[in-house]
Amino acid sequence: MPDRFEILHKDLAGRIGRLSTPHGNVETPLLMPVVNPHLPLIPPEELALMGAGMIITNSYIINQDQELRIKAIERGLHDLLGFSGPIMTDSGAFQLSVYGDIDVLPLEILDFQFAIKSDISVPLDIPTPPDVSRERAELELNTTEMRLQEAASLKREVLLAGPVQGSTYPDLRERAGRFARGLGFDLYPVGGVVPLMEAYRFRDLVDVVVAAKKGLGSGVPVHLFGAGHPMIFALAAAMGCDLFDSAAYALYAREGRYLTVHGTRKLAEMKYLPCSCPVCQKYTHQELVDSPQREKELARHNLYISLQEIKLVRQSIREGSLWDLLEARCRSHPRMLDGLKRLGREGQWLERLDTASKSTFFYTSQEASLRPEVLRYARRIGRISLEGEVLITSDPAADSSRFDNMLLYKPPFGPYPRELAETYPFNAEVPEQADSAAKEQAERNMRELMTANPEARFSIRIE
């Protein structure tokens, strides 16, 4: 099939893309609300009005319900659900992970997805959970890859997804990504990660996703299965995930839980509604608690806040400030911060994908010393060739008349040619008092520069 994915803007490993489907184009990063085909808490037509450009539903549930199955085959999936935009269908892998077995054959459920005209169909993979034995992970990955080979050989008019499994073994994830990419799917979901997110194991999540991305390579759309909480979107997008699916908006509403980009609150324990979405403008806290429509209205709020965060992620990618958003979001929980630090240690991989020039660099935390811009300069500082008397100073107005060269000094970069002072990233906004991480990186860079220029004579004047 022709290439369905076009990348429009990039920042870190994240990107804004355009995904073409039989029912229209959608812009990524994209959140797909999960729709229960039996009893959608928010009707799909209302989801569209709220801004959901694409939804996802479970083809296995439809297939197992005789009445729904007949209607779906006769009328098509879009007419059945009342949604005119693109619809992705899952294969029943979630039920397989919960119950251990399902009553359908792999090619049978895939043929059913084709028959009901799903825009993106998913083969029945084996969703291996985290921390299983390597033997089990390899065995189940082999089964998944055999099914992917069968699926890829089928003639189709719709998009086909190639799930990437491998449990918590990065080498298996990378292998799985490379294998799936070689089969030429249209979308690549990273599966088996919901337990990691539920347990706040974001450092392990970064290991899994980055390994999968290394195997997949750049340029293909990636779906992070089960990522529905708004506080994780920036981190997932920074790793290069393009699509997310969320049942959280409905599941949390049934439990009386109120989503924010910083975490989850219990509605009953709140006093105010700290949001300006239509739901929170319509109700006071007590009115929402007492409303007979509380569950639906809370689900609407949860989805509004999630869709809003997706738009903010897109804007951040477009203006080159995704790291700034990432830092802010990853301070919502200590384990999220672990995830950011782990991603920062993939600096060489991120640097290859990141754009060289973007909006102003704001240094707001020690984690900013892990940014690709900082690491890129650290690897290149030895290329600066200097001779004679060299002044390194933190004062741009310093008298340099008796020196052959003058370099300005700014943590976390350390010394850099003053001719670059107004260019990115050396025009960075940094605190007046540098933190230890910025100082250490700057000092490492200065030592590297001096080592690379043994014939030069350095004078250092740093406040």
Protein backbone atom coordinates (compact mmCIF):
# COMPACT_ATOMS: atom_id res chain seq x y z
CA MET A 1 0.00 0.00 0.00
CA PRO A 2 1.16 3.61 -0.52
CA ASP A 3 2.80 5.47 2.34
CA ARG A 4 0.03 6.64 4.67
CA PHE A 5 2.04 8.76 7.09
CA GLU A 6 3.60 12.16 6.48
CA ILE A 7 5.72 13.94 9.11
CA LEU A 8 5.10 17.69 9.24
CA HIS A 9 7.08 18.89 12.29
CA LYS A 10 9.61 17.29 14.66
CA ASP A 11 10.93 17.90 18.17
CA LEU A 12 12.96 15.38 20.20
CA ALA A 13 11.68 12.02 18.87
CA GLY A 14 8.17 13.47 18.72
CA ARG A 15 6.49 14.65 15.57
CA ILE A 16 3.32 16.12 14.18
CA GLY A 17 2.13 13.85 11.40
CA ARG A 18 -0.71 13.32 8.98
CA LEU A 19 -2.13 9.80 8.85
CA SER A 20 -4.29 8.96 5.85
CA THR A 21 -7.16 6.48 6.33
CA PRO A 22 -10.14 5.39 4.21
CA HIS A 23 -12.38 7.71 6.25
CA GLY A 24 -10.15 10.76 6.09
CA ASN A 25 -6.89 12.18 7.35
CA VAL A 26 -6.06 12.71 11.02
CA GLU A 27 -3.30 14.72 12.63
CA THR A 28 -0.99 13.13 15.17
CA PRO A 29 -0.26 13.01 18.07
CA LEU A 30 -3.80 11.74 18.36
CA LEU A 31 -5.93 10.38 21.17
CA MET A 32 -8.53 7.75 20.26
CA PRO A 33 -11.29 7.42 22.87
CA VAL A 34 -12.21 3.78 23.45
CA VAL A 35 -15.85 3.08 22.65
CA ASN A 36 -17.67 0.17 24.27
CA PRO A 37 -19.86 -1.20 21.46
CA HIS A 38 -22.46 -2.40 23.98
CA LEU A 39 -22.89 0.75 26.05
CA PRO A 40 -20.83 3.81 25.12
CA LEU A 41 -20.81 6.20 28.06
CA ILE A 42 -20.48 9.11 25.63
CA PRO A 43 -22.12 8.45 22.22
CA PRO A 44 -19.59 8.43 19.35
CA GLU A 45 -21.32 11.31 17.57
CA GLU A 46 -20.80 13.40 20.71
CA LEU A 47 -17.16 12.34 20.84
CA ALA A 48 -16.75 13.82 17.38
CA LEU A 49 -18.28 17.12 18.53
CA MET A 50 -15.88 17.18 21.49
CA GLY A 51 -12.93 16.99 19.10
CA ALA A 52 -12.14 13.29 18.83
CA GLY A 53 -10.92 12.82 15.26
CA MET A 54 -10.71 9.04 15.55
CA ILE A 55 -12.01 6.35 17.90
CA ILE A 56 -11.11 2.76 18.71
CA THR A 57 -13.41 -0.13 19.55
CA ASN A 58 -13.11 -3.86 20.18
CA SER A 59 -13.92 -6.08 17.22
CA TYR A 60 -13.87 -9.20 19.40
CA ILE A 61 -16.75 -7.90 21.54
CA ILE A 62 -18.75 -7.10 18.40
CA ASN A 63 -17.93 -10.47 16.88
CA GLN A 64 -19.05 -12.38 19.97
CA ASP A 65 -22.44 -10.63 20.13
CA GLN A 66 -24.62 -12.18 17.44
CA GLU A 67 -26.88 -9.15 17.04
CA LEU A 68 -24.00 -6.67 16.87
CA ARG A 69 -22.07 -8.96 14.55
CA ILE A 70 -24.88 -9.13 12.01
CA LYS A 71 -25.48 -5.38 12.11
CA ALA A 72 -21.79 -4.64 11.72
CA ILE A 73 -21.45 -6.88 8.67
CA GLU A 74 -24.65 -5.60 7.07
CA ARG A 75 -24.26 -1.89 7.83
CA GLY A 76 -20.57 -1.47 8.43
CA LEU A 77 -18.76 -0.43 11.60
CA HIS A 78 -19.20 3.31 11.09
CA ASP A 79 -22.97 3.09 10.72
CA LEU A 80 -23.19 0.70 13.68
CA LEU A 81 -21.39 3.12 16.01
CA GLY A 82 -22.65 6.35 14.46
CA PHE A 83 -19.19 7.79 13.79
CA SER A 84 -18.20 9.11 10.37
CA GLY A 85 -14.47 9.53 11.04
CA PRO A 86 -11.77 6.86 11.11
CA ILE A 87 -12.23 3.90 13.46
CA MET A 88 -9.52 1.51 14.65
CA THR A 89 -10.43 -1.94 15.96
CA ASP A 90 -8.58 -4.09 18.45
CA SER A 91 -8.53 -7.84 17.94
CA GLY A 92 -9.34 -9.22 21.37
CA ALA A 93 -5.77 -9.24 22.65
CA PHE A 94 -6.92 -7.34 25.75
CA GLN A 95 -9.43 -10.09 26.59
CA LEU A 96 -6.68 -12.62 25.91
CA SER A 97 -4.42 -10.89 28.42
CA VAL A 98 -7.18 -10.82 31.06
CA TYR A 99 -8.77 -14.23 30.60
CA GLY A 100 -5.91 -16.24 29.07
CA ASP A 101 -7.98 -17.49 26.14
CA ILE A 102 -10.58 -16.24 23.66
CA ASP A 103 -13.02 -17.98 21.36
CA VAL A 104 -11.76 -16.87 17.95
CA LEU A 105 -8.99 -17.78 15.51
CA PRO A 106 -6.38 -15.17 14.52
CA LEU A 107 -7.30 -14.98 10.82
CA GLU A 108 -11.00 -15.19 11.65
CA ILE A 109 -10.97 -12.01 13.74
CA LEU A 110 -8.81 -10.24 11.18
CA ASP A 111 -11.17 -11.16 8.34
CA PHE A 112 -14.04 -9.88 10.48
CA GLN A 113 -12.31 -6.52 10.91
CA PHE A 114 -11.88 -6.30 7.15
CA ALA A 115 -15.53 -7.25 6.61
CA ILE A 116 -16.90 -4.50 8.87
CA LYS A 117 -14.59 -1.96 7.19
CA SER A 118 -12.44 -0.95 10.10
CA ASP A 119 -10.00 1.77 9.04
CA ILE A 120 -7.13 0.23 10.99
CA SER A 121 -7.25 -3.48 11.76
CA VAL A 122 -5.04 -5.26 14.28
CA PRO A 123 -3.91 -8.90 14.09
CA LEU A 124 -4.41 -11.06 17.16
CA ASP A 125 -1.03 -10.79 18.87
CA ILE A 126 0.04 -12.26 22.22
CA PRO A 127 0.20 -9.42 24.78
CA THR A 128 3.05 -10.69 26.93
CA PRO A 129 3.05 -8.94 30.34
CA PRO A 130 6.13 -7.45 32.01
CA ASP A 131 8.66 -9.48 34.00
CA VAL A 132 7.86 -12.93 32.61
CA SER A 133 10.66 -15.38 31.98
CA ARG A 134 12.71 -14.77 28.86
CA GLU A 135 11.71 -18.21 27.60
CA ARG A 136 8.01 -17.27 27.74
CA ALA A 137 8.63 -13.86 26.20
CA GLU A 138 10.50 -15.38 23.26
CA LEU A 139 7.95 -18.16 22.77
CA GLU A 140 5.01 -15.75 22.70
CA LEU A 141 6.91 -13.30 20.49
CA ASN A 142 7.53 -16.11 18.01
CA THR A 143 3.79 -16.79 17.92
CA THR A 144 3.02 -13.11 17.43
CA GLU A 145 5.53 -12.83 14.60
CA MET A 146 4.09 -15.89 12.87
CA ARG A 147 0.65 -14.29 13.01
CA LEU A 148 2.04 -11.00 11.71
CA GLN A 149 3.53 -12.79 8.73
CA GLU A 150 0.14 -14.34 7.96
CA ALA A 151 -1.61 -11.00 8.33
CA ALA A 152 0.88 -9.12 6.15
CA SER A 153 0.31 -11.58 3.29
CA LEU A 154 -3.43 -10.82 3.09
CA LYS A 155 -4.93 -8.53 0.47
CA ARG A 156 -6.62 -5.55 2.10
CA GLU A 157 -8.05 -2.12 1.37
CA VAL A 158 -7.61 -0.79 4.92
CA LEU A 159 -4.64 0.00 7.13
CA LEU A 160 -3.09 -2.88 9.03
CA ALA A 161 -1.23 -2.59 12.33
CA GLY A 162 1.78 -4.69 13.30
CA PRO A 163 2.01 -4.96 17.13
CA VAL A 164 5.42 -4.96 18.80
CA GLN A 165 5.75 -7.27 21.80
CA GLY A 166 8.66 -8.64 23.85
CA SER A 167 7.78 -8.04 27.51
CA THR A 168 10.42 -6.04 29.43
CA TYR A 169 13.36 -7.30 27.37
CA PRO A 170 14.70 -4.36 25.33
CA ASP A 171 16.55 -6.60 22.89
CA LEU A 172 13.35 -8.54 22.16
CA ARG A 173 11.43 -5.28 21.70
CA GLU A 174 14.04 -4.02 19.26
CA ARG A 175 13.99 -7.32 17.40
CA ALA A 176 10.19 -7.26 17.28
CA GLY A 177 10.16 -3.72 15.92
CA ARG A 178 12.66 -4.57 13.20
CA PHE A 179 10.69 -7.68 12.24
CA ALA A 180 7.35 -5.87 12.04
CA ARG A 181 8.83 -2.97 10.06
CA GLY A 182 10.21 -5.45 7.57
CA LEU A 183 6.71 -6.73 6.85
CA GLY A 184 5.49 -3.30 5.79
CA PHE A 185 2.56 -2.55 8.11
CA ASP A 186 0.85 0.85 8.17
CA LEU A 187 0.92 1.37 11.96
CA TYR A 188 2.98 -0.15 14.75
CA PRO A 189 1.37 -0.49 18.20
CA VAL A 190 3.64 -1.11 21.19
CA GLY A 191 1.64 -3.54 23.31
CA GLY A 192 1.83 -5.23 26.68
CA VAL A 193 2.69 -1.98 28.50
CA VAL A 194 -0.48 -1.19 30.45
CA PRO A 195 0.80 -2.96 33.62
CA LEU A 196 3.90 -0.74 33.52
CA MET A 197 1.80 2.42 33.38
CA GLU A 198 -0.61 1.21 36.05
CA ALA A 199 2.34 0.53 38.37
CA TYR A 200 3.98 3.90 37.54
CA ARG A 201 7.02 2.09 36.14
CA PHE A 202 7.80 4.87 33.70
CA ARG A 203 11.54 4.20 33.60
CA ASP A 204 10.81 0.66 32.39
CA LEU A 205 8.24 2.06 29.96
CA VAL A 206 10.93 4.28 28.43
CA ASP A 207 13.24 1.26 28.03
CA VAL A 208 10.51 -0.71 26.27
CA VAL A 209 9.32 2.06 23.94
CA VAL A 210 12.77 3.33 23.00
CA ALA A 211 13.91 -0.21 22.20
CA ALA A 212 10.85 -0.74 20.00
CA LYS A 213 11.47 2.60 18.29
CA LYS A 214 15.10 1.70 17.59
CA GLY A 215 13.92 -1.45 15.86
CA LEU A 216 11.17 0.30 13.93
CA GLY A 217 13.33 3.17 12.81
CA SER A 218 11.99 6.62 12.05
CA GLY A 219 9.23 7.62 9.69
CA VAL A 220 6.49 5.18 10.68
CA PRO A 221 3.50 5.87 12.96
CA VAL A 222 3.62 4.28 16.41
CA HIS A 223 0.66 3.60 18.68
CA LEU A 224 1.15 3.20 22.44
CA PHE A 225 -1.57 0.78 23.49
CA GLY A 226 -3.48 1.73 26.64
CA ALA A 227 -1.88 5.14 27.18
CA GLY A 228 -4.89 7.22 28.16
CA HIS A 229 -3.89 9.40 31.11
CA PRO A 230 -3.09 12.98 30.07
CA MET A 231 -0.03 13.27 32.32
CA ILE A 232 1.84 10.71 30.17
CA PHE A 233 1.21 12.17 26.70
CA ALA A 234 4.23 14.50 26.66
CA LEU A 235 6.62 11.71 27.69
CA ALA A 236 5.14 9.27 25.18
CA ALA A 237 5.25 11.85 22.38
CA ALA A 238 8.86 12.72 23.20
CA MET A 239 9.72 9.04 22.66
CA GLY A 240 8.09 9.14 19.23
CA CYS A 241 4.63 7.71 19.92
CA ASP A 242 1.96 9.14 17.63
CA LEU A 243 -1.34 7.57 18.65
CA PHE A 244 -2.86 6.79 22.04
CA ASP A 245 -6.09 5.12 23.09
CA SER A 246 -8.02 5.92 26.22
CA ALA A 247 -10.68 4.11 28.15
CA ALA A 248 -9.49 6.03 31.22
CA TYR A 249 -11.93 8.88 30.64
CA ALA A 250 -14.85 6.47 31.16
CA LEU A 251 -13.33 3.98 33.59
CA TYR A 252 -12.18 6.72 35.95
CA ALA A 253 -15.54 8.47 35.73
CA ARG A 254 -17.30 5.29 36.90
CA GLU A 255 -15.02 5.34 39.95
CA GLY A 256 -15.70 9.03 40.63
CA ARG A 257 -12.20 10.09 39.61
CA TYR A 258 -11.38 13.46 38.11
CA LEU A 259 -8.47 13.63 35.65
CA THR A 260 -5.92 16.43 35.49
CA VAL A 261 -2.62 16.70 33.63
CA HIS A 262 -0.86 16.35 36.99
CA GLY A 263 -2.65 13.21 38.19
CA THR A 264 -6.03 11.98 39.37
CA ARG A 265 -8.27 13.26 42.15
CA LYS A 266 -11.31 11.75 43.83
CA LEU A 267 -14.29 13.95 43.06
CA ALA A 268 -15.83 13.33 46.49
CA GLU A 269 -12.74 14.73 48.22
CA MET A 270 -12.55 17.92 46.14
CA LYS A 271 -14.03 21.33 46.92
CA TYR A 272 -13.55 23.08 43.58
CA LEU A 273 -13.40 22.13 39.91
CA PRO A 274 -10.02 23.55 38.79
CA CYS A 275 -10.82 23.50 35.08
CA SER A 276 -12.60 25.63 32.48
CA CYS A 277 -13.99 22.90 30.25
CA PRO A 278 -17.75 23.05 29.47
CA VAL A 279 -18.53 20.59 32.26
CA CYS A 280 -16.61 22.50 34.93
CA GLN A 281 -18.17 25.77 33.78
CA LYS A 282 -21.65 24.29 33.94
CA TYR A 283 -21.46 22.81 37.44
CA THR A 284 -20.17 23.71 40.84
CA HIS A 285 -18.37 20.90 42.61
CA GLN A 286 -21.39 20.01 44.72
CA GLU A 287 -23.75 20.18 41.74
CA LEU A 288 -21.58 17.71 39.85
CA VAL A 289 -21.39 15.39 42.87
CA ASP A 290 -25.20 15.44 43.18
CA SER A 291 -26.00 15.28 39.47
CA PRO A 292 -27.82 12.17 38.18
CA GLN A 293 -25.58 12.60 35.10
CA ARG A 294 -22.42 12.68 37.20
CA GLU A 295 -20.77 9.68 35.58
CA LYS A 296 -21.28 10.89 32.04
CA GLU A 297 -20.40 14.48 32.86
CA LEU A 298 -17.26 13.41 34.68
CA ALA A 299 -16.31 11.28 31.66
CA ARG A 300 -16.80 14.34 29.46
CA HIS A 301 -14.51 16.40 31.67
CA ASN A 302 -11.90 13.62 31.67
CA LEU A 303 -11.97 13.49 27.89
CA TYR A 304 -11.91 17.26 27.47
CA ILE A 305 -8.78 17.53 29.61
CA SER A 306 -7.16 14.66 27.69
CA LEU A 307 -7.91 16.13 24.26
CA GLN A 308 -6.68 19.52 25.46
CA GLU A 309 -3.36 18.01 26.52
CA ILE A 310 -2.94 16.38 23.12
CA LYS A 311 -3.34 19.80 21.48
CA LEU A 312 -0.77 21.26 23.86
CA VAL A 313 1.66 18.47 22.97
CA ARG A 314 1.18 19.26 19.27
CA GLN A 315 1.74 22.97 19.85
CA SER A 316 4.88 22.22 21.85
CA ILE A 317 6.26 20.06 19.05
CA ARG A 318 5.49 22.71 16.48
CA GLU A 319 7.29 25.47 18.39
CA GLY A 320 10.15 23.23 19.57
CA SER A 321 9.34 23.35 23.27
CA LEU A 322 8.35 19.74 23.91
CA TRP A 323 11.16 19.27 26.45
CA ASP A 324 9.83 22.22 28.47
CA LEU A 325 6.37 20.62 28.61
CA LEU A 326 7.95 17.26 29.38
CA GLU A 327 9.83 18.68 32.35
CA ALA A 328 6.67 20.27 33.73
CA ARG A 329 4.57 17.11 33.35
CA CYS A 330 7.23 14.78 34.73
CA ARG A 331 7.18 16.68 38.00
CA SER A 332 3.66 15.43 38.61
CA HIS A 333 5.03 12.25 40.18
CA PRO A 334 8.51 11.05 41.26
CA ARG A 335 8.23 8.00 38.97
CA MET A 336 7.46 10.27 36.03
CA LEU A 337 10.68 12.09 36.84
CA ASP A 338 12.47 8.73 36.74
CA GLY A 339 11.09 8.29 33.23
CA LEU A 340 12.38 11.69 32.12
CA LYS A 341 15.85 10.97 33.48
CA ARG A 342 15.88 7.61 31.74
CA LEU A 343 14.89 9.22 28.45
CA GLY A 344 17.61 11.82 28.95
CA ARG A 345 20.18 9.05 29.06
CA GLU A 346 19.16 8.14 25.51
CA GLY A 347 20.71 11.44 24.47
CA GLN A 348 22.61 10.11 21.47
CA TRP A 349 19.47 8.49 20.06
CA LEU A 350 17.39 11.60 20.74
CA GLU A 351 19.98 13.88 19.22
CA ARG A 352 19.84 12.07 15.89
CA LEU A 353 16.08 12.62 15.75
CA ASP A 354 15.90 16.11 17.23
CA THR A 355 15.96 19.28 15.14
CA ALA A 356 19.09 21.42 15.42
CA SER A 357 17.30 24.76 15.72
CA LYS A 358 14.09 25.65 17.53
CA SER A 359 12.59 28.17 19.93
CA THR A 360 14.37 29.59 22.96
CA PHE A 361 16.01 27.10 25.31
CA PHE A 362 14.75 27.54 28.89
CA TYR A 363 16.92 25.91 31.56
CA THR A 364 14.50 25.25 34.41
CA SER A 365 15.80 22.12 36.14
CA GLN A 366 18.81 19.84 36.45
CA GLU A 367 17.21 17.50 33.91
CA ALA A 368 17.70 20.19 31.26
CA SER A 369 21.40 19.29 31.29
CA LEU A 370 20.31 16.04 29.58
CA ARG A 371 18.72 17.84 26.63
CA PRO A 372 19.96 16.80 23.17
CA GLU A 373 21.20 20.35 22.49
CA VAL A 374 23.53 20.17 25.50
CA LEU A 375 24.84 16.72 24.66
CA ARG A 376 25.25 17.65 20.98
CA TYR A 377 27.49 20.58 21.88
CA ALA A 378 29.47 18.49 24.35
CA ARG A 379 30.32 16.04 21.57
CA ARG A 380 31.37 18.81 19.20
CA ILE A 381 33.25 21.22 21.44
CA GLY A 382 36.55 19.49 20.69
CA ARG A 383 36.21 20.64 17.06
CA ILE A 384 36.83 24.26 18.06
CA SER A 385 40.38 25.17 17.02
CA LEU A 386 42.17 27.85 19.05
CA GLU A 387 45.62 29.41 19.05
CA GLY A 388 47.46 32.00 21.10
CA GLU A 389 45.90 33.75 24.08
CA VAL A 390 42.31 32.71 24.81
CA LEU A 391 39.92 34.37 27.25
CA ILE A 392 36.99 32.38 28.64
CA THR A 393 34.61 34.69 30.50
CA SER A 394 31.04 34.89 31.69
CA ASP A 395 31.01 38.66 31.09
CA PRO A 396 30.01 39.59 27.51
CA ALA A 397 31.40 43.13 28.09
CA ALA A 398 34.83 41.93 29.19
CA ASP A 399 37.89 43.63 27.67
CA SER A 400 39.38 41.15 25.22
CA SER A 401 41.78 43.54 23.46
CA ARG A 402 44.95 41.68 24.48
CA PHE A 403 43.58 38.23 23.62
CA ASP A 404 43.60 36.42 20.28
CA ASN A 405 40.28 34.71 21.01
CA MET A 406 37.40 35.28 23.40
CA LEU A 407 34.79 32.67 24.34
CA LEU A 408 31.75 33.32 26.45
CA TYR A 409 30.85 30.94 29.25
CA LYS A 410 27.34 29.85 30.13
CA PRO A 411 26.30 26.71 32.01
CA PRO A 412 25.38 24.05 30.93
CA PHE A 413 27.30 24.68 27.68
CA GLY A 414 30.49 26.05 29.14
CA PRO A 415 32.67 28.03 26.70
CA TYR A 416 31.36 28.90 23.24
CA PRO A 417 32.34 31.38 20.51
CA ARG A 418 30.90 34.81 21.27
CA GLU A 419 29.85 35.11 17.61
CA LEU A 420 27.20 32.48 18.40
CA ALA A 421 25.79 34.29 21.44
CA GLU A 422 22.53 35.23 19.72
CA THR A 423 22.00 31.88 18.01
CA TYR A 424 20.24 28.77 19.26
CA PRO A 425 20.93 27.16 21.73
CA PHE A 426 23.48 29.60 23.18
CA ASN A 427 20.78 32.27 23.51
CA ALA A 428 19.32 30.08 26.25
CA GLU A 429 17.56 31.61 29.23
CA VAL A 430 19.32 30.23 32.30
CA PRO A 431 19.10 30.97 36.05
CA GLU A 432 21.50 33.51 37.52
CA GLN A 433 22.64 30.80 39.93
CA ALA A 434 23.48 27.65 37.98
CA ASP A 435 22.71 24.29 39.57
CA SER A 436 25.26 21.55 40.08
CA ALA A 437 24.32 19.61 36.94
CA ALA A 438 24.73 22.67 34.72
CA LYS A 439 28.06 23.58 36.35
CA GLU A 440 29.43 20.06 36.01
CA GLN A 441 28.51 19.82 32.34
CA ALA A 442 29.98 23.26 31.62
CA GLU A 443 33.22 22.36 33.39
CA ARG A 444 33.50 19.06 31.49
CA ASN A 445 33.10 20.94 28.24
CA MET A 446 35.76 23.47 29.22
CA ARG A 447 38.23 20.72 30.07
CA GLU A 448 37.48 19.02 26.74
CA LEU A 449 38.09 22.27 24.87
CA MET A 450 41.40 22.88 26.62
CA THR A 451 42.55 19.30 26.01
CA ALA A 452 41.72 19.65 22.31
CA ASN A 453 43.84 22.84 22.06
CA PRO A 454 47.08 22.12 23.97
CA GLU A 455 49.03 24.92 22.26
CA ALA A 456 46.58 27.66 23.30
CA ARG A 457 47.05 29.60 26.54
CA PHE A 458 43.81 30.04 28.50
CA SER A 459 42.75 32.75 30.91
CA ILE A 460 39.53 31.98 32.79
CA ARG A 461 37.36 34.69 34.32
CA ILE A 462 34.08 33.17 35.49
CA GLU A 463 31.88 34.69 38.17
